[in-house]
Amino acid sequence: MSVVGQFLCVVKDGTIVILLPESEAGNVVRLTEMPMQKAVAPEVQEISVKKHEGKAIMVEGRSSGGWIYSAELIETAGPILSALVQKVFSR
């Protein structure tokens, strides 16, 4: 079973790309409020990130199989910080 973790991500072209932790960096994921053990598809409680396009976000949850389960959006960066995060991690 995966451990609850925090993930620094960026939303780009409608997809969520993990930047940190480094062990997950570059992985494209989707967010769901659904717990991992539910016998229902995670899409049922998928979290839309459309309004966060181009922004850095901090998410807490459990990463597995292209999803972050029990996901909570902890913080959304403003435009200046989002630009800085994208610049730093584009190297």
Protein backbone atom coordinates (compact mmCIF):
# COMPACT_ATOMS: atom_id res chain seq x y z
CA MET A 1 0.00 0.00 0.00
CA SER A 2 1.38 3.41 -0.89
CA VAL A 3 2.07 6.07 1.71
CA VAL A 4 0.36 9.46 1.78
CA GLY A 5 2.72 11.94 0.17
CA GLN A 6 2.89 15.50 -1.07
CA PHE A 7 3.44 16.18 -4.74
CA LEU A 8 4.53 19.41 -6.41
CA CYS A 9 2.92 19.37 -9.83
CA VAL A 10 2.30 21.63 -12.78
CA VAL A 11 -0.86 21.63 -14.89
CA LYS A 12 0.06 21.90 -18.56
CA ASP A 13 -2.24 21.33 -21.54
CA GLY A 14 -4.85 19.77 -19.26
CA THR A 15 -2.45 17.21 -17.79
CA ILE A 16 -0.82 17.05 -14.37
CA VAL A 17 2.92 16.46 -14.35
CA ILE A 18 4.69 15.67 -11.08
CA LEU A 19 7.84 17.72 -10.40
CA LEU A 20 8.60 16.52 -6.86
CA PRO A 21 9.35 14.15 -5.25
CA GLU A 22 12.16 13.27 -7.63
CA SER A 23 11.19 9.59 -7.53
CA GLU A 24 7.92 10.54 -9.28
CA ALA A 25 9.24 13.44 -11.40
CA GLY A 26 7.89 13.49 -14.95
CA ASN A 27 4.99 11.15 -14.22
CA VAL A 28 1.66 12.26 -15.64
CA VAL A 29 -1.18 11.65 -13.20
CA ARG A 30 -4.85 12.31 -12.64
CA LEU A 31 -6.44 13.24 -9.32
CA THR A 32 -9.33 11.50 -7.61
CA GLU A 33 -11.00 11.98 -4.24
CA MET A 34 -11.64 8.22 -4.24
CA PRO A 35 -9.69 6.09 -1.73
CA MET A 36 -7.46 3.39 -3.24
CA GLN A 37 -9.42 0.46 -1.84
CA LYS A 38 -12.80 1.43 -3.38
CA ALA A 39 -14.28 -1.07 -5.83
CA VAL A 40 -15.32 1.76 -8.16
CA ALA A 41 -13.42 3.37 -11.02
CA PRO A 42 -11.36 6.42 -9.89
CA GLU A 43 -12.91 8.50 -12.70
CA VAL A 44 -16.14 8.64 -10.69
CA GLN A 45 -14.58 11.18 -8.31
CA GLU A 46 -11.94 12.68 -10.60
CA ILE A 47 -10.88 16.21 -9.69
CA SER A 48 -10.95 18.68 -12.58
CA VAL A 49 -7.82 20.81 -12.95
CA LYS A 50 -9.02 23.02 -15.79
CA LYS A 51 -9.03 26.16 -13.65
CA HIS A 52 -5.41 25.48 -12.62
CA GLU A 53 -4.03 25.44 -16.19
CA GLY A 54 -0.47 26.79 -16.31
CA LYS A 55 -0.13 26.82 -12.53
CA ALA A 56 1.96 24.93 -10.01
CA ILE A 57 -0.12 22.96 -7.49
CA MET A 58 0.66 21.05 -4.31
CA VAL A 59 -1.33 17.86 -3.89
CA GLU A 60 -1.50 15.41 -1.00
CA GLY A 61 -2.57 11.82 -1.54
CA ARG A 62 -1.48 8.31 -2.52
CA SER A 63 0.15 7.78 -5.92
CA SER A 64 -0.53 4.55 -7.79
CA GLY A 65 -1.05 3.55 -11.41
CA GLY A 66 -1.25 7.04 -12.91
CA TRP A 67 -3.60 8.36 -10.22
CA ILE A 68 -3.24 10.24 -6.95
CA TYR A 69 -5.94 8.72 -4.73
CA SER A 70 -7.60 10.51 -1.78
CA ALA A 71 -6.20 13.64 -3.43
CA GLU A 72 -6.42 17.00 -1.71
CA LEU A 73 -5.35 20.15 -3.48
CA ILE A 74 -3.35 21.86 -0.73
CA GLU A 75 -2.22 24.98 -2.58
CA THR A 76 -2.29 26.62 -5.98
CA ALA A 77 0.58 28.96 -6.83
CA GLY A 78 -0.05 32.38 -8.31
CA PRO A 79 1.27 33.39 -11.72
CA ILE A 80 4.70 34.61 -10.55
CA LEU A 81 5.50 31.56 -8.44
CA SER A 82 4.10 29.22 -11.11
CA ALA A 83 6.38 30.78 -13.73
CA LEU A 84 9.37 30.44 -11.40
CA VAL A 85 8.61 26.79 -10.63
CA GLN A 86 8.25 25.96 -14.32
CA LYS A 87 11.52 27.75 -15.14
CA VAL A 88 13.47 25.97 -12.38
CA PHE A 89 12.13 22.51 -13.27
CA SER A 90 12.47 22.92 -17.04
CA ARG A 91 16.21 22.24 -16.80
